[in-house]
Amino acid sequence: MDKLEQIGHLLVEALYKARELGTFKLDPESRRRAAELMKLANETHKKMQDLSETPHNGKGLDKATLDRALDDLIETFKDVNKRLDALLAKAREKP
């Protein structure tokens, strides 16, 4: 799996978890933040699709810069997924 595919997979996973989180009873502030997370994730997903469809003609981006940026995004989305896992575990706890 290349880096763009990996980011796409992590992003879709985060979207799924954020949607699930939105199904739980949340206080208004948490509900607002979950909705904001969904919006940002959807926007990022669209940008990733656009980037993957952009012809790679070697102009404007050097490979090393792009690779570093993609590696940073992968780590960021891994962290996002870990945080969402923790939130879901807490939300699933029975009072």
PDB file of N, CA and C in Angstrom:
ATOM      1  N   MET A   1       0.851  -1.166   0.000  1.00  0.00           N
ATOM      2  CA  MET A   1       0.000   0.000   0.000  1.00  0.00           C
ATOM      3  C   MET A   1       0.902   1.236   0.000  1.00  0.00           C
ATOM      4  N   ASP A   2       0.660   2.130  -0.949  1.00  0.00           N
ATOM      5  CA  ASP A   2       1.487   3.334  -0.969  1.00  0.00           C
ATOM      6  C   ASP A   2       1.004   4.314   0.105  1.00  0.00           C
ATOM      7  N   LYS A   3       1.749   5.387   0.281  1.00  0.00           N
ATOM      8  CA  LYS A   3       1.466   6.318   1.374  1.00  0.00           C
ATOM      9  C   LYS A   3       0.109   6.991   1.232  1.00  0.00           C
ATOM     10  N   LEU A   4      -0.271   7.381   0.024  1.00  0.00           N
ATOM     11  CA  LEU A   4      -1.583   8.006  -0.163  1.00  0.00           C
ATOM     12  C   LEU A   4      -2.706   7.034   0.172  1.00  0.00           C
ATOM     13  N   GLU A   5      -2.549   5.783  -0.218  1.00  0.00           N
ATOM     14  CA  GLU A   5      -3.560   4.773   0.114  1.00  0.00           C
ATOM     15  C   GLU A   5      -3.629   4.561   1.620  1.00  0.00           C
ATOM     16  N   GLN A   6      -2.476   4.546   2.270  1.00  0.00           N
ATOM     17  CA  GLN A   6      -2.436   4.354   3.714  1.00  0.00           C
ATOM     18  C   GLN A   6      -3.139   5.509   4.432  1.00  0.00           C
ATOM     19  N   ILE A   7      -2.875   6.732   3.994  1.00  0.00           N
ATOM     20  CA  ILE A   7      -3.532   7.893   4.586  1.00  0.00           C
ATOM     21  C   ILE A   7      -5.039   7.811   4.344  1.00  0.00           C
ATOM     22  N   GLY A   8      -5.419   7.449   3.128  1.00  0.00           N
ATOM     23  CA  GLY A   8      -6.843   7.316   2.818  1.00  0.00           C
ATOM     24  C   GLY A   8      -7.514   6.293   3.715  1.00  0.00           C
ATOM     25  N   HIS A   9      -6.850   5.160   3.930  1.00  0.00           N
ATOM     26  CA  HIS A   9      -7.395   4.116   4.798  1.00  0.00           C
ATOM     27  C   HIS A   9      -7.552   4.625   6.229  1.00  0.00           C
ATOM     28  N   LEU A  10      -6.516   5.282   6.752  1.00  0.00           N
ATOM     29  CA  LEU A  10      -6.572   5.823   8.108  1.00  0.00           C
ATOM     30  C   LEU A  10      -7.660   6.886   8.235  1.00  0.00           C
ATOM     31  N   LEU A  11      -7.822   7.685   7.213  1.00  0.00           N
ATOM     32  CA  LEU A  11      -8.830   8.740   7.236  1.00  0.00           C
ATOM     33  C   LEU A  11     -10.236   8.159   7.222  1.00  0.00           C
ATOM     34  N   VAL A  12     -10.466   7.163   6.383  1.00  0.00           N
ATOM     35  CA  VAL A  12     -11.781   6.519   6.338  1.00  0.00           C
ATOM     36  C   VAL A  12     -12.077   5.854   7.681  1.00  0.00           C
ATOM     37  N   GLU A  13     -11.071   5.245   8.273  1.00  0.00           N
ATOM     38  CA  GLU A  13     -11.234   4.627   9.585  1.00  0.00           C
ATOM     39  C   GLU A  13     -11.621   5.681  10.633  1.00  0.00           C
ATOM     40  N   ALA A  14     -10.963   6.831  10.585  1.00  0.00           N
ATOM     41  CA  ALA A  14     -11.282   7.913  11.519  1.00  0.00           C
ATOM     42  C   ALA A  14     -12.703   8.428  11.294  1.00  0.00           C
ATOM     43  N   LEU A  15     -13.103   8.557  10.037  1.00  0.00           N
ATOM     44  CA  LEU A  15     -14.469   9.006   9.739  1.00  0.00           C
ATOM     45  C   LEU A  15     -15.492   8.028  10.309  1.00  0.00           C
ATOM     46  N   TYR A  16     -15.257   6.754  10.129  1.00  0.00           N
ATOM     47  CA  TYR A  16     -16.165   5.732  10.644  1.00  0.00           C
ATOM     48  C   TYR A  16     -16.285   5.845  12.164  1.00  0.00           C
ATOM     49  N   LYS A  17     -15.154   5.983  12.834  1.00  0.00           N
ATOM     50  CA  LYS A  17     -15.158   6.086  14.291  1.00  0.00           C
ATOM     51  C   LYS A  17     -15.841   7.368  14.753  1.00  0.00           C
ATOM     52  N   ALA A  18     -15.594   8.467  14.056  1.00  0.00           N
ATOM     53  CA  ALA A  18     -16.224   9.739  14.428  1.00  0.00           C
ATOM     54  C   ALA A  18     -17.734   9.657  14.239  1.00  0.00           C
ATOM     55  N   ARG A  19     -18.182   9.002  13.169  1.00  0.00           N
ATOM     56  CA  ARG A  19     -19.618   8.821  12.967  1.00  0.00           C
ATOM     57  C   ARG A  19     -20.225   7.995  14.095  1.00  0.00           C
ATOM     58  N   GLU A  20     -19.534   6.920  14.456  1.00  0.00           N
ATOM     59  CA  GLU A  20     -20.025   6.075  15.543  1.00  0.00           C
ATOM     60  C   GLU A  20     -20.083   6.864  16.844  1.00  0.00           C
ATOM     61  N   LEU A  21     -19.082   7.663  17.092  1.00  0.00           N
ATOM     62  CA  LEU A  21     -19.056   8.477  18.300  1.00  0.00           C
ATOM     63  C   LEU A  21     -20.267   9.409  18.336  1.00  0.00           C
ATOM     64  N   GLY A  22     -20.661   9.906  17.179  1.00  0.00           N
ATOM     65  CA  GLY A  22     -21.815  10.797  17.094  1.00  0.00           C
ATOM     66  C   GLY A  22     -23.136  10.121  17.416  1.00  0.00           C
ATOM     67  N   THR A  23     -23.165   8.788  17.472  1.00  0.00           N
ATOM     68  CA  THR A  23     -24.407   8.083  17.780  1.00  0.00           C
ATOM     69  C   THR A  23     -24.652   7.981  19.282  1.00  0.00           C
ATOM     70  N   PHE A  24     -23.652   8.279  20.084  1.00  0.00           N
ATOM     71  CA  PHE A  24     -23.801   8.223  21.535  1.00  0.00           C
ATOM     72  C   PHE A  24     -24.366   9.525  22.058  1.00  0.00           C
ATOM     73  N   LYS A  25     -24.975   9.440  23.229  1.00  0.00           N
ATOM     74  CA  LYS A  25     -25.457  10.662  23.874  1.00  0.00           C
ATOM     75  C   LYS A  25     -24.246  11.467  24.319  1.00  0.00           C
ATOM     76  N   LEU A  26     -24.145  12.654  23.788  1.00  0.00           N
ATOM     77  CA  LEU A  26     -23.023  13.526  24.116  1.00  0.00           C
ATOM     78  C   LEU A  26     -23.560  14.863  24.590  1.00  0.00           C
ATOM     79  N   ASP A  27     -22.796  15.520  25.427  1.00  0.00           N
ATOM     80  CA  ASP A  27     -23.178  16.865  25.819  1.00  0.00           C
ATOM     81  C   ASP A  27     -23.036  17.771  24.588  1.00  0.00           C
ATOM     82  N   PRO A  28     -23.689  18.930  24.580  1.00  0.00           N
ATOM     83  CA  PRO A  28     -23.673  19.793  23.388  1.00  0.00           C
ATOM     84  C   PRO A  28     -22.268  20.158  22.890  1.00  0.00           C
ATOM     85  N   GLU A  29     -21.352  20.421  23.813  1.00  0.00           N
ATOM     86  CA  GLU A  29     -19.987  20.794  23.406  1.00  0.00           C
ATOM     87  C   GLU A  29     -19.287  19.610  22.725  1.00  0.00           C
ATOM     88  N   SER A  30     -19.422  18.419  23.282  1.00  0.00           N
ATOM     89  CA  SER A  30     -18.804  17.231  22.680  1.00  0.00           C
ATOM     90  C   SER A  30     -19.431  16.926  21.326  1.00  0.00           C
ATOM     91  N   ARG A  31     -20.738  17.091  21.207  1.00  0.00           N
ATOM     92  CA  ARG A  31     -21.427  16.866  19.936  1.00  0.00           C
ATOM     93  C   ARG A  31     -20.916  17.857  18.878  1.00  0.00           C
ATOM     94  N   ARG A  32     -20.715  19.119  19.289  1.00  0.00           N
ATOM     95  CA  ARG A  32     -20.196  20.138  18.371  1.00  0.00           C
ATOM     96  C   ARG A  32     -18.788  19.769  17.906  1.00  0.00           C
ATOM     97  N   ARG A  33     -17.967  19.315  18.824  1.00  0.00           N
ATOM     98  CA  ARG A  33     -16.590  18.938  18.473  1.00  0.00           C
ATOM     99  C   ARG A  33     -16.558  17.709  17.573  1.00  0.00           C
ATOM    100  N   ALA A  34     -17.441  16.751  17.827  1.00  0.00           N
ATOM    101  CA  ALA A  34     -17.500  15.555  16.971  1.00  0.00           C
ATOM    102  C   ALA A  34     -17.923  15.950  15.556  1.00  0.00           C
ATOM    103  N   ALA A  35     -18.890  16.866  15.453  1.00  0.00           N
ATOM    104  CA  ALA A  35     -19.333  17.341  14.138  1.00  0.00           C
ATOM    105  C   ALA A  35     -18.206  18.084  13.429  1.00  0.00           C
ATOM    106  N   GLU A  36     -17.461  18.860  14.185  1.00  0.00           N
ATOM    107  CA  GLU A  36     -16.316  19.593  13.624  1.00  0.00           C
ATOM    108  C   GLU A  36     -15.252  18.613  13.123  1.00  0.00           C
ATOM    109  N   LEU A  37     -15.006  17.568  13.889  1.00  0.00           N
ATOM    110  CA  LEU A  37     -14.047  16.539  13.483  1.00  0.00           C
ATOM    111  C   LEU A  37     -14.489  15.878  12.182  1.00  0.00           C
ATOM    112  N   MET A  38     -15.767  15.558  12.082  1.00  0.00           N
ATOM    113  CA  MET A  38     -16.300  14.945  10.859  1.00  0.00           C
ATOM    114  C   MET A  38     -16.096  15.873   9.668  1.00  0.00           C
ATOM    115  N   LYS A  39     -16.390  17.151   9.864  1.00  0.00           N
ATOM    116  CA  LYS A  39     -16.242  18.116   8.774  1.00  0.00           C
ATOM    117  C   LYS A  39     -14.780  18.201   8.321  1.00  0.00           C
ATOM    118  N   LEU A  40     -13.864  18.300   9.272  1.00  0.00           N
ATOM    119  CA  LEU A  40     -12.441  18.379   8.928  1.00  0.00           C
ATOM    120  C   LEU A  40     -11.960  17.101   8.250  1.00  0.00           C
ATOM    121  N   ALA A  41     -12.407  15.969   8.733  1.00  0.00           N
ATOM    122  CA  ALA A  41     -12.002  14.696   8.136  1.00  0.00           C
ATOM    123  C   ALA A  41     -12.525  14.588   6.707  1.00  0.00           C
ATOM    124  N   ASN A  42     -13.767  14.995   6.479  1.00  0.00           N
ATOM    125  CA  ASN A  42     -14.321  14.954   5.125  1.00  0.00           C
ATOM    126  C   ASN A  42     -13.560  15.886   4.185  1.00  0.00           C
ATOM    127  N   GLU A  43     -13.219  17.079   4.668  1.00  0.00           N
ATOM    128  CA  GLU A  43     -12.449  18.023   3.853  1.00  0.00           C
ATOM    129  C   GLU A  43     -11.070  17.455   3.531  1.00  0.00           C
ATOM    130  N   THR A  44     -10.434  16.835   4.522  1.00  0.00           N
ATOM    131  CA  THR A  44      -9.116  16.245   4.303  1.00  0.00           C
ATOM    132  C   THR A  44      -9.203  15.089   3.318  1.00  0.00           C
ATOM    133  N   HIS A  45     -10.244  14.282   3.434  1.00  0.00           N
ATOM    134  CA  HIS A  45     -10.441  13.162   2.515  1.00  0.00           C
ATOM    135  C   HIS A  45     -10.563  13.678   1.088  1.00  0.00           C
ATOM    136  N   LYS A  46     -11.303  14.755   0.886  1.00  0.00           N
ATOM    137  CA  LYS A  46     -11.465  15.350  -0.450  1.00  0.00           C
ATOM    138  C   LYS A  46     -10.110  15.839  -0.977  1.00  0.00           C
ATOM    139  N   LYS A  47      -9.339  16.480  -0.122  1.00  0.00           N
ATOM    140  CA  LYS A  47      -8.016  16.965  -0.540  1.00  0.00           C
ATOM    141  C   LYS A  47      -7.097  15.807  -0.911  1.00  0.00           C
ATOM    142  N   MET A  48      -7.170  14.725  -0.147  1.00  0.00           N
ATOM    143  CA  MET A  48      -6.343  13.560  -0.452  1.00  0.00           C
ATOM    144  C   MET A  48      -6.745  12.948  -1.791  1.00  0.00           C
ATOM    145  N   GLN A  49      -8.046  12.901  -2.072  1.00  0.00           N
ATOM    146  CA  GLN A  49      -8.499  12.399  -3.370  1.00  0.00           C
ATOM    147  C   GLN A  49      -7.974  13.291  -4.490  1.00  0.00           C
ATOM    148  N   ASP A  50      -8.059  14.600  -4.301  1.00  0.00           N
ATOM    149  CA  ASP A  50      -7.558  15.538  -5.306  1.00  0.00           C
ATOM    150  C   ASP A  50      -6.057  15.346  -5.529  1.00  0.00           C
ATOM    151  N   LEU A  51      -5.316  15.173  -4.431  1.00  0.00           N
ATOM    152  CA  LEU A  51      -3.868  14.984  -4.543  1.00  0.00           C
ATOM    153  C   LEU A  51      -3.546  13.695  -5.289  1.00  0.00           C
ATOM    154  N   SER A  52      -4.298  12.639  -5.011  1.00  0.00           N
ATOM    155  CA  SER A  52      -4.008  11.361  -5.668  1.00  0.00           C
ATOM    156  C   SER A  52      -4.349  11.400  -7.151  1.00  0.00           C
ATOM    157  N   GLU A  53      -5.236  12.315  -7.560  1.00  0.00           N
ATOM    158  CA  GLU A  53      -5.618  12.421  -8.963  1.00  0.00           C
ATOM    159  C   GLU A  53      -4.767  13.427  -9.734  1.00  0.00           C
ATOM    160  N   THR A  54      -3.936  14.180  -9.013  1.00  0.00           N
ATOM    161  CA  THR A  54      -3.077  15.171  -9.646  1.00  0.00           C
ATOM    162  C   THR A  54      -1.953  14.461 -10.390  1.00  0.00           C
ATOM    163  N   PRO A  55      -1.751  14.832 -11.642  1.00  0.00           N
ATOM    164  CA  PRO A  55      -0.641  14.192 -12.366  1.00  0.00           C
ATOM    165  C   PRO A  55       0.695  14.543 -11.711  1.00  0.00           C
ATOM    166  N   HIS A  56       1.525  13.544 -11.540  1.00  0.00           N
ATOM    167  CA  HIS A  56       2.836  13.752 -10.917  1.00  0.00           C
ATOM    168  C   HIS A  56       3.860  13.975 -12.035  1.00  0.00           C
ATOM    169  N   ASN A  57       3.991  15.233 -12.398  1.00  0.00           N
ATOM    170  CA  ASN A  57       4.895  15.563 -13.499  1.00  0.00           C
ATOM    171  C   ASN A  57       6.243  16.076 -13.007  1.00  0.00           C
ATOM    172  N   GLY A  58       6.458  16.026 -11.689  1.00  0.00           N
ATOM    173  CA  GLY A  58       7.750  16.444 -11.161  1.00  0.00           C
ATOM    174  C   GLY A  58       7.887  17.936 -10.979  1.00  0.00           C
ATOM    175  N   LYS A  59       6.841  18.693 -11.233  1.00  0.00           N
ATOM    176  CA  LYS A  59       6.937  20.144 -11.088  1.00  0.00           C
ATOM    177  C   LYS A  59       6.297  20.562  -9.771  1.00  0.00           C
ATOM    178  N   GLY A  60       6.965  21.443  -9.049  1.00  0.00           N
ATOM    179  CA  GLY A  60       6.387  22.027  -7.850  1.00  0.00           C
ATOM    180  C   GLY A  60       6.681  21.274  -6.559  1.00  0.00           C
ATOM    181  N   LEU A  61       6.706  19.966  -6.574  1.00  0.00           N
ATOM    182  CA  LEU A  61       6.962  19.188  -5.365  1.00  0.00           C
ATOM    183  C   LEU A  61       8.134  18.246  -5.599  1.00  0.00           C
ATOM    184  N   ASP A  62       9.125  18.333  -4.730  1.00  0.00           N
ATOM    185  CA  ASP A  62      10.193  17.338  -4.846  1.00  0.00           C
ATOM    186  C   ASP A  62       9.793  16.126  -4.001  1.00  0.00           C
ATOM    187  N   LYS A  63      10.273  14.979  -4.365  1.00  0.00           N
ATOM    188  CA  LYS A  63       9.868  13.720  -3.746  1.00  0.00           C
ATOM    189  C   LYS A  63      10.153  13.692  -2.252  1.00  0.00           C
ATOM    190  N   ALA A  64      11.275  14.196  -1.830  1.00  0.00           N
ATOM    191  CA  ALA A  64      11.632  14.170  -0.407  1.00  0.00           C
ATOM    192  C   ALA A  64      10.656  14.992   0.430  1.00  0.00           C
ATOM    193  N   THR A  65      10.278  16.173  -0.055  1.00  0.00           N
ATOM    194  CA  THR A  65       9.331  17.025   0.659  1.00  0.00           C
ATOM    195  C   THR A  65       7.976  16.350   0.740  1.00  0.00           C
ATOM    196  N   LEU A  66       7.526  15.794  -0.366  1.00  0.00           N
ATOM    197  CA  LEU A  66       6.242  15.103  -0.396  1.00  0.00           C
ATOM    198  C   LEU A  66       6.257  13.892   0.531  1.00  0.00           C
ATOM    199  N   ASP A  67       7.329  13.108   0.507  1.00  0.00           N
ATOM    200  CA  ASP A  67       7.427  11.931   1.377  1.00  0.00           C
ATOM    201  C   ASP A  67       7.387  12.312   2.852  1.00  0.00           C
ATOM    202  N   ARG A  68       8.092  13.372   3.223  1.00  0.00           N
ATOM    203  CA  ARG A  68       8.076  13.816   4.626  1.00  0.00           C
ATOM    204  C   ARG A  68       6.674  14.252   5.030  1.00  0.00           C
ATOM    205  N   ALA A  69       6.004  14.995   4.160  1.00  0.00           N
ATOM    206  CA  ALA A  69       4.649  15.450   4.457  1.00  0.00           C
ATOM    207  C   ALA A  69       3.690  14.263   4.597  1.00  0.00           C
ATOM    208  N   LEU A  70       3.808  13.292   3.710  1.00  0.00           N
ATOM    209  CA  LEU A  70       2.948  12.112   3.784  1.00  0.00           C
ATOM    210  C   LEU A  70       3.230  11.301   5.045  1.00  0.00           C
ATOM    211  N   ASP A  71       4.508  11.165   5.415  1.00  0.00           N
ATOM    212  CA  ASP A  71       4.851  10.459   6.651  1.00  0.00           C
ATOM    213  C   ASP A  71       4.256  11.172   7.865  1.00  0.00           C
ATOM    214  N   ASP A  72       4.331  12.499   7.883  1.00  0.00           N
ATOM    215  CA  ASP A  72       3.737  13.268   8.986  1.00  0.00           C
ATOM    216  C   ASP A  72       2.225  13.068   9.046  1.00  0.00           C
ATOM    217  N   LEU A  73       1.573  13.060   7.890  1.00  0.00           N
ATOM    218  CA  LEU A  73       0.123  12.839   7.857  1.00  0.00           C
ATOM    219  C   LEU A  73      -0.240  11.443   8.346  1.00  0.00           C
ATOM    220  N   ILE A  74       0.533  10.454   7.969  1.00  0.00           N
ATOM    221  CA  ILE A  74       0.282   9.086   8.431  1.00  0.00           C
ATOM    222  C   ILE A  74       0.350   9.034   9.957  1.00  0.00           C
ATOM    223  N   GLU A  75       1.383   9.611  10.533  1.00  0.00           N
ATOM    224  CA  GLU A  75       1.510   9.610  11.997  1.00  0.00           C
ATOM    225  C   GLU A  75       0.372  10.386  12.648  1.00  0.00           C
ATOM    226  N   THR A  76      -0.011  11.504  12.053  1.00  0.00           N
ATOM    227  CA  THR A  76      -1.119  12.294  12.590  1.00  0.00           C
ATOM    228  C   THR A  76      -2.402  11.486  12.606  1.00  0.00           C
ATOM    229  N   PHE A  77      -2.717  10.817  11.503  1.00  0.00           N
ATOM    230  CA  PHE A  77      -3.958  10.052  11.450  1.00  0.00           C
ATOM    231  C   PHE A  77      -3.906   8.806  12.324  1.00  0.00           C
ATOM    232  N   LYS A  78      -2.737   8.245  12.525  1.00  0.00           N
ATOM    233  CA  LYS A  78      -2.618   7.136  13.479  1.00  0.00           C
ATOM    234  C   LYS A  78      -2.966   7.641  14.877  1.00  0.00           C
ATOM    235  N   ASP A  79      -2.459   8.824  15.225  1.00  0.00           N
ATOM    236  CA  ASP A  79      -2.748   9.417  16.531  1.00  0.00           C
ATOM    237  C   ASP A  79      -4.237   9.743  16.655  1.00  0.00           C
ATOM    238  N   VAL A  80      -4.833  10.288  15.602  1.00  0.00           N
ATOM    239  CA  VAL A  80      -6.263  10.591  15.614  1.00  0.00           C
ATOM    240  C   VAL A  80      -7.062   9.320  15.868  1.00  0.00           C
ATOM    241  N   ASN A  81      -6.707   8.244  15.198  1.00  0.00           N
ATOM    242  CA  ASN A  81      -7.420   6.979  15.381  1.00  0.00           C
ATOM    243  C   ASN A  81      -7.257   6.441  16.801  1.00  0.00           C
ATOM    244  N   LYS A  82      -6.083   6.582  17.386  1.00  0.00           N
ATOM    245  CA  LYS A  82      -5.882   6.150  18.775  1.00  0.00           C
ATOM    246  C   LYS A  82      -6.776   6.950  19.716  1.00  0.00           C
ATOM    247  N   ARG A  83      -6.846   8.256  19.493  1.00  0.00           N
ATOM    248  CA  ARG A  83      -7.683   9.106  20.340  1.00  0.00           C
ATOM    249  C   ARG A  83      -9.166   8.763  20.173  1.00  0.00           C
ATOM    250  N   LEU A  84      -9.567   8.507  18.941  1.00  0.00           N
ATOM    251  CA  LEU A  84     -10.955   8.118  18.705  1.00  0.00           C
ATOM    252  C   LEU A  84     -11.267   6.773  19.347  1.00  0.00           C
ATOM    253  N   ASP A  85     -10.314   5.837  19.286  1.00  0.00           N
ATOM    254  CA  ASP A  85     -10.504   4.553  19.959  1.00  0.00           C
ATOM    255  C   ASP A  85     -10.731   4.757  21.456  1.00  0.00           C
ATOM    256  N   ALA A  86      -9.941   5.629  22.069  1.00  0.00           N
ATOM    257  CA  ALA A  86     -10.083   5.898  23.498  1.00  0.00           C
ATOM    258  C   ALA A  86     -11.444   6.533  23.802  1.00  0.00           C
ATOM    259  N   LEU A  87     -11.861   7.473  22.959  1.00  0.00           N
ATOM    260  CA  LEU A  87     -13.165   8.115  23.165  1.00  0.00           C
ATOM    261  C   LEU A  87     -14.302   7.112  23.001  1.00  0.00           C
ATOM    262  N   LEU A  88     -14.207   6.255  21.999  1.00  0.00           N
ATOM    263  CA  LEU A  88     -15.244   5.242  21.795  1.00  0.00           C
ATOM    264  C   LEU A  88     -15.307   4.270  22.958  1.00  0.00           C
ATOM    265  N   ALA A  89     -14.164   3.868  23.468  1.00  0.00           N
ATOM    266  CA  ALA A  89     -14.139   2.946  24.604  1.00  0.00           C
ATOM    267  C   ALA A  89     -14.828   3.588  25.803  1.00  0.00           C
ATOM    268  N   LYS A  90     -14.556   4.851  26.013  1.00  0.00           N
ATOM    269  CA  LYS A  90     -15.172   5.575  27.132  1.00  0.00           C
ATOM    270  C   LYS A  90     -16.681   5.723  26.903  1.00  0.00           C
ATOM    271  N   ALA A  91     -17.089   6.030  25.677  1.00  0.00           N
ATOM    272  CA  ALA A  91     -18.503   6.201  25.371  1.00  0.00           C
ATOM    273  C   ALA A  91     -19.269   4.887  25.494  1.00  0.00           C
ATOM    274  N   ARG A  92     -18.598   3.774  25.219  1.00  0.00           N
ATOM    275  CA  ARG A  92     -19.252   2.464  25.284  1.00  0.00           C
ATOM    276  C   ARG A  92     -19.396   1.939  26.714  1.00  0.00           C
ATOM    277  N   GLU A  93     -18.647   2.534  27.643  1.00  0.00           N
ATOM    278  CA  GLU A  93     -18.738   2.108  29.050  1.00  0.00           C
ATOM    279  C   GLU A  93     -20.152   2.323  29.541  1.00  0.00           C
ATOM    280  N   LYS A  94     -20.645   1.348  30.268  1.00  0.00           N
ATOM    281  CA  LYS A  94     -21.987   1.475  30.834  1.00  0.00           C
ATOM    282  C   LYS A  94     -21.874   2.167  32.185  1.00  0.00           C
ATOM    283  N   PRO A  95     -22.770   3.120  32.436  1.00  0.00           N
ATOM    284  CA  PRO A  95     -22.706   3.855  33.721  1.00  0.00           C
ATOM    285  C   PRO A  95     -23.014   2.980  34.915  1.00  0.00           C
TER     286      PRO A  95
END
